[in-house]
Amino acid sequence: MAKAAIGVGSSANDGTGDDLRSGAVKINANFTELYTELGDGTNLQTTSKTQTLTNKTLTAPSINGVVGGTQTSATITTLTTGGITGTGGALEITADNNIVEFRGDGTNSGTVGTIQLNCSANSHGQKIQSQPHSANVTNTMTLPAGASSTLVSLVSADTLTNKTLTAPTITGAGAIAGVFTGNITGNVTGNVTGNVTGTVDGVVGGNTPAAITGTAISGTSIAVTGTAGAMTLNTVTTTQRNALTAANGMVVYNSTTSKIEAYAGGAWVQLH
């Protein structure tokens, strides 16, 4: 109701103001409205009591203490966390089950739950999001142990150190450095530097003879098979042959003499 003003007349005792009863009625009506608006109709709400407000709109409030209860439908457009930070200044969220859930939009093909981490200027951001509903995935991803590091992605160029790949399939072009133990099935294009221990099945060097450098190829035997080509010995001149650090068992093709020669008994001998 509108405020009920008590008529006081134009001057004292001029007989135009409200009588005592009418004035008292207006006073009671005004107080009834105040007690109804600010209390339960009988008692006023005070800061020293625990009370429940119903159908009240708080405009730009400052809320101190713990906000509890069950809220099923509410929208917070701007949340200032200055009063709910821990001693270190970080936002602390303590859920009953220690799980903070970021929900999707509730549809089968819409927006999934997502966390966006911005740069310091808030002009760029990276998102962590769930698989879509169609993937039907429920699992747990555990962050790696150890020192501070960076996660590896499917598209980033990264260097992995001290990692063990169990039964991996490596495809595409690239280079393998270090010690590789296991089977390589497929074609290898490029240089193999180091020792190869095991069985090599296939064509080494493709359609042209392979150049093998190193100290030794060890094994019980070496077999060269096939009908489409032949093994070509190292070709040297007599001068180049004499410059070799010869050892019994060496075999070369001498282009000066056009002979296949072997080093045996401490001397080079022609085999034909």
C-alpha atoms as a PDB file:
ATOM      1  CA  MET A   1       0.000   0.000   0.000  1.00  0.00           C
ATOM      2  CA  ALA A   2       1.050   3.649  -0.274  1.00  0.00           C
ATOM      3  CA  LYS A   3       2.322   5.394   2.833  1.00  0.00           C
ATOM      4  CA  ALA A   4      -0.596   6.579   4.988  1.00  0.00           C
ATOM      5  CA  ALA A   5       0.207  10.126   6.146  1.00  0.00           C
ATOM      6  CA  ILE A   6      -1.468  11.463   9.298  1.00  0.00           C
ATOM      7  CA  GLY A   7      -3.389  14.641   8.699  1.00  0.00           C
ATOM      8  CA  VAL A   8      -2.143  17.314  11.109  1.00  0.00           C
ATOM      9  CA  GLY A   9      -4.195  20.268   9.872  1.00  0.00           C
ATOM     10  CA  SER A  10      -2.979  23.697   8.807  1.00  0.00           C
ATOM     11  CA  SER A  11      -2.294  24.927  12.307  1.00  0.00           C
ATOM     12  CA  ALA A  12      -2.514  23.639  15.868  1.00  0.00           C
ATOM     13  CA  ASN A  13      -6.011  22.715  17.005  1.00  0.00           C
ATOM     14  CA  ASP A  14      -7.669  24.073  13.848  1.00  0.00           C
ATOM     15  CA  GLY A  15      -9.946  21.016  13.709  1.00  0.00           C
ATOM     16  CA  THR A  16      -8.877  19.983  10.177  1.00  0.00           C
ATOM     17  CA  GLY A  17      -6.430  17.192  11.085  1.00  0.00           C
ATOM     18  CA  ASP A  18      -7.085  13.489  11.741  1.00  0.00           C
ATOM     19  CA  ASP A  19      -8.638  12.510  15.018  1.00  0.00           C
ATOM     20  CA  LEU A  20      -6.625  10.297  17.364  1.00  0.00           C
ATOM     21  CA  ARG A  21      -8.253   7.065  16.181  1.00  0.00           C
ATOM     22  CA  SER A  22      -7.726   7.797  12.488  1.00  0.00           C
ATOM     23  CA  GLY A  23      -4.108   8.752  13.130  1.00  0.00           C
ATOM     24  CA  ALA A  24      -3.513   5.566  15.138  1.00  0.00           C
ATOM     25  CA  VAL A  25      -5.023   3.457  12.329  1.00  0.00           C
ATOM     26  CA  LYS A  26      -2.619   4.978   9.837  1.00  0.00           C
ATOM     27  CA  ILE A  27       0.332   4.396  12.178  1.00  0.00           C
ATOM     28  CA  ASN A  28      -0.618   0.735  12.604  1.00  0.00           C
ATOM     29  CA  ALA A  29      -1.080   0.291   8.859  1.00  0.00           C
ATOM     30  CA  ASN A  30       2.345   1.767   8.140  1.00  0.00           C
ATOM     31  CA  PHE A  31       4.056  -0.444  10.745  1.00  0.00           C
ATOM     32  CA  THR A  32       2.200  -3.537   9.526  1.00  0.00           C
ATOM     33  CA  GLU A  33       3.540  -2.959   6.026  1.00  0.00           C
ATOM     34  CA  LEU A  34       7.081  -2.441   7.370  1.00  0.00           C
ATOM     35  CA  TYR A  35       6.967  -5.594   9.504  1.00  0.00           C
ATOM     36  CA  THR A  36       5.569  -7.572   6.571  1.00  0.00           C
ATOM     37  CA  GLU A  37       8.189  -6.252   4.161  1.00  0.00           C
ATOM     38  CA  LEU A  38      11.181  -6.509   6.509  1.00  0.00           C
ATOM     39  CA  GLY A  39      10.059  -9.444   8.635  1.00  0.00           C
ATOM     40  CA  ASP A  40       7.343 -12.040   9.053  1.00  0.00           C
ATOM     41  CA  GLY A  41       4.548  -9.560   9.809  1.00  0.00           C
ATOM     42  CA  THR A  42       5.154  -9.748  13.529  1.00  0.00           C
ATOM     43  CA  ASN A  43       8.938  -9.677  13.929  1.00  0.00           C
ATOM     44  CA  LEU A  44      11.606  -7.784  12.026  1.00  0.00           C
ATOM     45  CA  GLN A  45      14.523  -9.681  10.455  1.00  0.00           C
ATOM     46  CA  THR A  46      17.781  -8.699  12.170  1.00  0.00           C
ATOM     47  CA  THR A  47      21.444  -9.427  11.464  1.00  0.00           C
ATOM     48  CA  SER A  48      21.848 -11.143  14.826  1.00  0.00           C
ATOM     49  CA  LYS A  49      19.356 -13.905  14.002  1.00  0.00           C
ATOM     50  CA  THR A  50      19.347 -16.834  11.584  1.00  0.00           C
ATOM     51  CA  GLN A  51      16.388 -16.238   9.311  1.00  0.00           C
ATOM     52  CA  THR A  52      15.043 -17.328   5.934  1.00  0.00           C
ATOM     53  CA  LEU A  53      14.240 -14.767   3.254  1.00  0.00           C
ATOM     54  CA  THR A  54      11.691 -15.758   0.614  1.00  0.00           C
ATOM     55  CA  ASN A  55      11.226 -14.152  -2.795  1.00  0.00           C
ATOM     56  CA  LYS A  56      13.957 -11.582  -2.227  1.00  0.00           C
ATOM     57  CA  THR A  57      16.235 -10.150  -4.926  1.00  0.00           C
ATOM     58  CA  LEU A  58      19.760  -9.219  -3.801  1.00  0.00           C
ATOM     59  CA  THR A  59      21.268  -6.536  -6.032  1.00  0.00           C
ATOM     60  CA  ALA A  60      25.097  -6.395  -6.005  1.00  0.00           C
ATOM     61  CA  PRO A  61      25.295  -8.114  -2.593  1.00  0.00           C
ATOM     62  CA  SER A  62      28.438  -8.781  -0.579  1.00  0.00           C
ATOM     63  CA  ILE A  63      28.055 -12.280   0.896  1.00  0.00           C
ATOM     64  CA  ASN A  64      30.370 -13.331   3.713  1.00  0.00           C
ATOM     65  CA  GLY A  65      30.500 -16.815   5.169  1.00  0.00           C
ATOM     66  CA  VAL A  66      29.371 -20.177   3.819  1.00  0.00           C
ATOM     67  CA  VAL A  67      26.673 -20.381   1.145  1.00  0.00           C
ATOM     68  CA  GLY A  68      24.830 -23.658   1.670  1.00  0.00           C
ATOM     69  CA  GLY A  69      21.672 -25.432   0.690  1.00  0.00           C
ATOM     70  CA  THR A  70      20.432 -26.955  -2.543  1.00  0.00           C
ATOM     71  CA  GLN A  71      20.070 -24.810  -5.639  1.00  0.00           C
ATOM     72  CA  THR A  72      18.486 -26.472  -8.670  1.00  0.00           C
ATOM     73  CA  SER A  73      18.130 -23.492 -10.980  1.00  0.00           C
ATOM     74  CA  ALA A  74      20.331 -20.429 -10.799  1.00  0.00           C
ATOM     75  CA  THR A  75      22.578 -18.396 -13.076  1.00  0.00           C
ATOM     76  CA  ILE A  76      25.672 -16.597 -11.817  1.00  0.00           C
ATOM     77  CA  THR A  77      26.802 -14.180 -14.519  1.00  0.00           C
ATOM     78  CA  THR A  78      29.849 -12.788 -12.729  1.00  0.00           C
ATOM     79  CA  LEU A  79      31.662 -14.582  -9.910  1.00  0.00           C
ATOM     80  CA  THR A  80      34.320 -12.723  -7.962  1.00  0.00           C
ATOM     81  CA  THR A  81      36.508 -15.185  -6.085  1.00  0.00           C
ATOM     82  CA  GLY A  82      38.341 -12.706  -3.878  1.00  0.00           C
ATOM     83  CA  GLY A  83      36.610 -13.988  -0.778  1.00  0.00           C
ATOM     84  CA  ILE A  84      36.797 -17.742  -1.491  1.00  0.00           C
ATOM     85  CA  THR A  85      40.507 -18.191  -2.092  1.00  0.00           C
ATOM     86  CA  GLY A  86      42.933 -20.214  -0.043  1.00  0.00           C
ATOM     87  CA  THR A  87      45.925 -18.907   1.874  1.00  0.00           C
ATOM     88  CA  GLY A  88      48.042 -19.067  -1.289  1.00  0.00           C
ATOM     89  CA  GLY A  89      45.613 -16.986  -3.318  1.00  0.00           C
ATOM     90  CA  ALA A  90      44.261 -19.845  -5.475  1.00  0.00           C
ATOM     91  CA  LEU A  91      40.597 -20.660  -5.898  1.00  0.00           C
ATOM     92  CA  GLU A  92      39.751 -23.640  -3.699  1.00  0.00           C
ATOM     93  CA  ILE A  93      36.826 -25.900  -4.543  1.00  0.00           C
ATOM     94  CA  THR A  94      35.993 -28.661  -2.076  1.00  0.00           C
ATOM     95  CA  ALA A  95      33.336 -30.986  -3.445  1.00  0.00           C
ATOM     96  CA  ASP A  96      31.661 -33.594  -1.250  1.00  0.00           C
ATOM     97  CA  ASN A  97      33.138 -36.411  -3.399  1.00  0.00           C
ATOM     98  CA  ASN A  98      36.305 -34.455  -4.381  1.00  0.00           C
ATOM     99  CA  ILE A  99      35.152 -34.377  -8.022  1.00  0.00           C
ATOM    100  CA  VAL A 100      34.409 -31.128  -9.878  1.00  0.00           C
ATOM    101  CA  GLU A 101      32.158 -31.910 -12.842  1.00  0.00           C
ATOM    102  CA  PHE A 102      31.938 -29.669 -15.917  1.00  0.00           C
ATOM    103  CA  ARG A 103      28.722 -30.681 -17.640  1.00  0.00           C
ATOM    104  CA  GLY A 104      27.829 -30.685 -21.325  1.00  0.00           C
ATOM    105  CA  ASP A 105      24.751 -29.024 -22.786  1.00  0.00           C
ATOM    106  CA  GLY A 106      22.553 -32.109 -22.232  1.00  0.00           C
ATOM    107  CA  THR A 107      22.167 -33.107 -25.912  1.00  0.00           C
ATOM    108  CA  ASN A 108      23.532 -36.095 -27.860  1.00  0.00           C
ATOM    109  CA  SER A 109      25.617 -34.033 -30.287  1.00  0.00           C
ATOM    110  CA  GLY A 110      26.140 -30.650 -28.662  1.00  0.00           C
ATOM    111  CA  THR A 111      28.854 -29.000 -26.601  1.00  0.00           C
ATOM    112  CA  VAL A 112      30.827 -31.251 -24.250  1.00  0.00           C
ATOM    113  CA  GLY A 113      32.219 -30.319 -20.847  1.00  0.00           C
ATOM    114  CA  THR A 114      35.230 -28.064 -21.406  1.00  0.00           C
ATOM    115  CA  ILE A 115      37.878 -26.208 -19.389  1.00  0.00           C
ATOM    116  CA  GLN A 116      39.656 -23.290 -21.095  1.00  0.00           C
ATOM    117  CA  LEU A 117      43.067 -22.123 -19.858  1.00  0.00           C
ATOM    118  CA  ASN A 118      43.932 -18.630 -21.100  1.00  0.00           C
ATOM    119  CA  CYS A 119      47.256 -16.909 -21.634  1.00  0.00           C
ATOM    120  CA  SER A 120      48.286 -14.079 -19.297  1.00  0.00           C
ATOM    121  CA  ALA A 121      46.644 -11.458 -21.547  1.00  0.00           C
ATOM    122  CA  ASN A 122      43.467 -13.545 -21.932  1.00  0.00           C
ATOM    123  CA  SER A 123      43.739 -13.170 -25.720  1.00  0.00           C
ATOM    124  CA  HIS A 124      44.459 -16.863 -26.395  1.00  0.00           C
ATOM    125  CA  GLY A 125      43.183 -20.007 -24.727  1.00  0.00           C
ATOM    126  CA  GLN A 126      43.629 -23.769 -24.807  1.00  0.00           C
ATOM    127  CA  LYS A 127      40.751 -26.089 -24.041  1.00  0.00           C
ATOM    128  CA  ILE A 128      40.590 -29.454 -22.309  1.00  0.00           C
ATOM    129  CA  GLN A 129      37.395 -31.233 -23.253  1.00  0.00           C
ATOM    130  CA  SER A 130      35.670 -34.599 -23.057  1.00  0.00           C
ATOM    131  CA  GLN A 131      35.090 -37.032 -25.910  1.00  0.00           C
ATOM    132  CA  PRO A 132      31.724 -36.588 -27.662  1.00  0.00           C
ATOM    133  CA  HIS A 133      28.655 -38.516 -26.548  1.00  0.00           C
ATOM    134  CA  SER A 134      28.918 -40.790 -29.620  1.00  0.00           C
ATOM    135  CA  ALA A 135      32.315 -42.123 -28.422  1.00  0.00           C
ATOM    136  CA  ASN A 136      30.614 -43.675 -25.368  1.00  0.00           C
ATOM    137  CA  VAL A 137      33.766 -43.182 -23.296  1.00  0.00           C
ATOM    138  CA  THR A 138      34.036 -43.224 -19.505  1.00  0.00           C
ATOM    139  CA  ASN A 139      37.606 -43.465 -18.238  1.00  0.00           C
ATOM    140  CA  THR A 140      40.258 -41.831 -16.087  1.00  0.00           C
ATOM    141  CA  MET A 141      43.385 -40.068 -17.379  1.00  0.00           C
ATOM    142  CA  THR A 142      46.169 -39.839 -14.806  1.00  0.00           C
ATOM    143  CA  LEU A 143      48.790 -37.115 -15.186  1.00  0.00           C
ATOM    144  CA  PRO A 144      52.414 -38.319 -15.403  1.00  0.00           C
ATOM    145  CA  ALA A 145      54.619 -38.600 -12.337  1.00  0.00           C
ATOM    146  CA  GLY A 146      58.093 -37.131 -12.016  1.00  0.00           C
ATOM    147  CA  ALA A 147      59.460 -33.634 -12.530  1.00  0.00           C
ATOM    148  CA  SER A 148      57.680 -30.753 -14.251  1.00  0.00           C
ATOM    149  CA  SER A 149      57.095 -31.565 -17.900  1.00  0.00           C
ATOM    150  CA  THR A 150      54.898 -30.979 -20.967  1.00  0.00           C
ATOM    151  CA  LEU A 151      52.203 -33.267 -22.308  1.00  0.00           C
ATOM    152  CA  VAL A 152      52.785 -34.805 -25.759  1.00  0.00           C
ATOM    153  CA  SER A 153      50.034 -34.483 -28.377  1.00  0.00           C
ATOM    154  CA  LEU A 154      49.232 -36.219 -31.648  1.00  0.00           C
ATOM    155  CA  VAL A 155      50.251 -33.217 -33.762  1.00  0.00           C
ATOM    156  CA  SER A 156      53.085 -31.557 -31.824  1.00  0.00           C
ATOM    157  CA  ALA A 157      56.774 -32.106 -32.620  1.00  0.00           C
ATOM    158  CA  ASP A 158      58.320 -33.528 -29.447  1.00  0.00           C
ATOM    159  CA  THR A 159      61.457 -35.311 -28.290  1.00  0.00           C
ATOM    160  CA  LEU A 160      60.814 -38.296 -26.015  1.00  0.00           C
ATOM    161  CA  THR A 161      63.544 -39.253 -23.554  1.00  0.00           C
ATOM    162  CA  ASN A 162      63.811 -42.486 -21.541  1.00  0.00           C
ATOM    163  CA  LYS A 163      60.603 -43.936 -22.967  1.00  0.00           C
ATOM    164  CA  THR A 164      59.959 -47.615 -23.625  1.00  0.00           C
ATOM    165  CA  LEU A 165      57.742 -48.424 -26.619  1.00  0.00           C
ATOM    166  CA  THR A 166      56.213 -51.870 -26.199  1.00  0.00           C
ATOM    167  CA  ALA A 167      55.325 -53.578 -29.511  1.00  0.00           C
ATOM    168  CA  PRO A 168      55.149 -50.261 -31.408  1.00  0.00           C
ATOM    169  CA  THR A 169      54.155 -49.748 -35.032  1.00  0.00           C
ATOM    170  CA  ILE A 170      56.281 -46.976 -36.559  1.00  0.00           C
ATOM    171  CA  THR A 171      55.082 -45.604 -39.903  1.00  0.00           C
ATOM    172  CA  GLY A 172      56.107 -42.726 -42.135  1.00  0.00           C
ATOM    173  CA  ALA A 173      59.479 -41.119 -42.763  1.00  0.00           C
ATOM    174  CA  GLY A 174      61.887 -40.409 -39.967  1.00  0.00           C
ATOM    175  CA  ALA A 175      65.053 -41.515 -38.243  1.00  0.00           C
ATOM    176  CA  ILE A 176      65.760 -44.007 -35.456  1.00  0.00           C
ATOM    177  CA  ALA A 177      68.855 -43.202 -33.399  1.00  0.00           C
ATOM    178  CA  GLY A 178      70.320 -45.200 -30.574  1.00  0.00           C
ATOM    179  CA  VAL A 179      69.829 -48.905 -29.859  1.00  0.00           C
ATOM    180  CA  PHE A 180      66.773 -50.575 -31.369  1.00  0.00           C
ATOM    181  CA  THR A 181      65.942 -54.120 -30.265  1.00  0.00           C
ATOM    182  CA  GLY A 182      63.210 -55.947 -32.111  1.00  0.00           C
ATOM    183  CA  ASN A 183      61.987 -56.794 -35.602  1.00  0.00           C
ATOM    184  CA  ILE A 184      61.655 -54.307 -38.460  1.00  0.00           C
ATOM    185  CA  THR A 185      59.056 -55.442 -40.992  1.00  0.00           C
ATOM    186  CA  GLY A 186      58.897 -53.372 -44.166  1.00  0.00           C
ATOM    187  CA  ASN A 187      61.259 -51.244 -46.217  1.00  0.00           C
ATOM    188  CA  VAL A 188      64.046 -49.176 -44.690  1.00  0.00           C
ATOM    189  CA  THR A 189      65.187 -46.219 -46.800  1.00  0.00           C
ATOM    190  CA  GLY A 190      68.236 -44.435 -45.455  1.00  0.00           C
ATOM    191  CA  ASN A 191      71.483 -45.197 -43.693  1.00  0.00           C
ATOM    192  CA  VAL A 192      71.956 -47.781 -40.950  1.00  0.00           C
ATOM    193  CA  THR A 193      74.944 -46.792 -38.825  1.00  0.00           C
ATOM    194  CA  GLY A 194      76.029 -49.317 -36.239  1.00  0.00           C
ATOM    195  CA  ASN A 195      75.804 -53.059 -35.768  1.00  0.00           C
ATOM    196  CA  VAL A 196      72.891 -55.155 -37.016  1.00  0.00           C
ATOM    197  CA  THR A 197      72.525 -58.365 -35.001  1.00  0.00           C
ATOM    198  CA  GLY A 198      69.989 -60.819 -36.348  1.00  0.00           C
ATOM    199  CA  THR A 199      68.588 -61.888 -39.696  1.00  0.00           C
ATOM    200  CA  VAL A 200      68.147 -59.482 -42.604  1.00  0.00           C
ATOM    201  CA  ASP A 201      65.621 -60.801 -45.124  1.00  0.00           C
ATOM    202  CA  GLY A 202      65.055 -58.832 -48.325  1.00  0.00           C
ATOM    203  CA  VAL A 203      66.937 -56.540 -50.667  1.00  0.00           C
ATOM    204  CA  VAL A 204      69.533 -54.284 -49.058  1.00  0.00           C
ATOM    205  CA  GLY A 205      69.899 -51.139 -51.116  1.00  0.00           C
ATOM    206  CA  GLY A 206      66.855 -51.638 -53.331  1.00  0.00           C
ATOM    207  CA  ASN A 207      67.569 -52.291 -56.986  1.00  0.00           C
ATOM    208  CA  THR A 208      71.210 -51.187 -56.751  1.00  0.00           C
ATOM    209  CA  PRO A 209      74.083 -52.757 -54.800  1.00  0.00           C
ATOM    210  CA  ALA A 210      74.295 -51.629 -51.208  1.00  0.00           C
ATOM    211  CA  ALA A 211      77.275 -49.836 -49.714  1.00  0.00           C
ATOM    212  CA  ILE A 212      78.060 -51.318 -46.299  1.00  0.00           C
ATOM    213  CA  THR A 213      80.651 -49.504 -44.198  1.00  0.00           C
ATOM    214  CA  GLY A 214      81.967 -50.422 -40.803  1.00  0.00           C
ATOM    215  CA  THR A 215      84.419 -52.725 -39.117  1.00  0.00           C
ATOM    216  CA  ALA A 216      82.793 -56.120 -39.510  1.00  0.00           C
ATOM    217  CA  ILE A 217      79.688 -58.139 -40.298  1.00  0.00           C
ATOM    218  CA  SER A 218      79.676 -60.972 -37.792  1.00  0.00           C
ATOM    219  CA  GLY A 219      77.787 -64.233 -37.899  1.00  0.00           C
ATOM    220  CA  THR A 220      78.165 -67.910 -38.650  1.00  0.00           C
ATOM    221  CA  SER A 221      77.833 -67.393 -42.404  1.00  0.00           C
ATOM    222  CA  ILE A 222      76.807 -64.909 -45.083  1.00  0.00           C
ATOM    223  CA  ALA A 223      74.615 -66.144 -47.924  1.00  0.00           C
ATOM    224  CA  VAL A 224      73.887 -64.075 -51.029  1.00  0.00           C
ATOM    225  CA  THR A 225      70.939 -65.484 -52.963  1.00  0.00           C
ATOM    226  CA  GLY A 226      68.847 -64.522 -55.951  1.00  0.00           C
ATOM    227  CA  THR A 227      68.943 -64.834 -59.738  1.00  0.00           C
ATOM    228  CA  ALA A 228      68.363 -61.236 -60.777  1.00  0.00           C
ATOM    229  CA  GLY A 229      71.790 -59.890 -59.823  1.00  0.00           C
ATOM    230  CA  ALA A 230      75.183 -60.632 -58.314  1.00  0.00           C
ATOM    231  CA  MET A 231      77.465 -59.559 -55.488  1.00  0.00           C
ATOM    232  CA  THR A 232      80.007 -56.920 -56.500  1.00  0.00           C
ATOM    233  CA  LEU A 233      83.354 -56.926 -54.698  1.00  0.00           C
ATOM    234  CA  ASN A 234      85.163 -53.808 -53.641  1.00  0.00           C
ATOM    235  CA  THR A 235      87.025 -52.503 -56.725  1.00  0.00           C
ATOM    236  CA  VAL A 236      90.522 -51.060 -56.216  1.00  0.00           C
ATOM    237  CA  THR A 237      93.650 -50.404 -58.242  1.00  0.00           C
ATOM    238  CA  THR A 238      96.914 -52.085 -57.387  1.00  0.00           C
ATOM    239  CA  THR A 239      98.092 -48.870 -55.726  1.00  0.00           C
ATOM    240  CA  GLN A 240      94.907 -48.661 -53.661  1.00  0.00           C
ATOM    241  CA  ARG A 241      95.137 -52.361 -52.776  1.00  0.00           C
ATOM    242  CA  ASN A 242      98.690 -51.952 -51.516  1.00  0.00           C
ATOM    243  CA  ALA A 243      97.597 -49.037 -49.341  1.00  0.00           C
ATOM    244  CA  LEU A 244      95.080 -51.236 -47.503  1.00  0.00           C
ATOM    245  CA  THR A 245      95.859 -52.592 -44.053  1.00  0.00           C
ATOM    246  CA  ALA A 246      95.674 -56.093 -45.368  1.00  0.00           C
ATOM    247  CA  ALA A 247      94.572 -59.097 -43.342  1.00  0.00           C
ATOM    248  CA  ASN A 248      94.283 -62.729 -44.329  1.00  0.00           C
ATOM    249  CA  GLY A 249      90.860 -63.417 -45.837  1.00  0.00           C
ATOM    250  CA  MET A 250      90.370 -60.084 -47.641  1.00  0.00           C
ATOM    251  CA  VAL A 251      88.936 -60.294 -51.164  1.00  0.00           C
ATOM    252  CA  VAL A 252      88.956 -57.446 -53.755  1.00  0.00           C
ATOM    253  CA  TYR A 253      88.617 -56.921 -57.479  1.00  0.00           C
ATOM    254  CA  ASN A 254      91.841 -55.396 -58.888  1.00  0.00           C
ATOM    255  CA  SER A 255      90.911 -53.133 -61.797  1.00  0.00           C
ATOM    256  CA  THR A 256      94.583 -52.788 -62.771  1.00  0.00           C
ATOM    257  CA  THR A 257      94.991 -56.520 -63.393  1.00  0.00           C
ATOM    258  CA  SER A 258      91.269 -57.247 -63.993  1.00  0.00           C
ATOM    259  CA  LYS A 259      91.588 -60.057 -61.448  1.00  0.00           C
ATOM    260  CA  ILE A 260      89.817 -61.121 -58.278  1.00  0.00           C
ATOM    261  CA  GLU A 261      92.491 -61.216 -55.600  1.00  0.00           C
ATOM    262  CA  ALA A 262      92.609 -62.487 -52.049  1.00  0.00           C
ATOM    263  CA  TYR A 263      95.041 -61.857 -49.236  1.00  0.00           C
ATOM    264  CA  ALA A 264      96.306 -65.204 -47.942  1.00  0.00           C
ATOM    265  CA  GLY A 265      99.490 -66.305 -46.225  1.00  0.00           C
ATOM    266  CA  GLY A 266     100.618 -62.701 -45.915  1.00  0.00           C
ATOM    267  CA  ALA A 267     100.415 -61.859 -49.617  1.00  0.00           C
ATOM    268  CA  TRP A 268      97.917 -60.917 -52.341  1.00  0.00           C
ATOM    269  CA  VAL A 269      97.188 -63.800 -54.714  1.00  0.00           C
ATOM    270  CA  GLN A 270      95.048 -63.931 -57.845  1.00  0.00           C
ATOM    271  CA  LEU A 271      92.086 -66.316 -57.700  1.00  0.00           C
ATOM    272  CA  HIS A 272      91.994 -67.000 -61.459  1.00  0.00           C
END
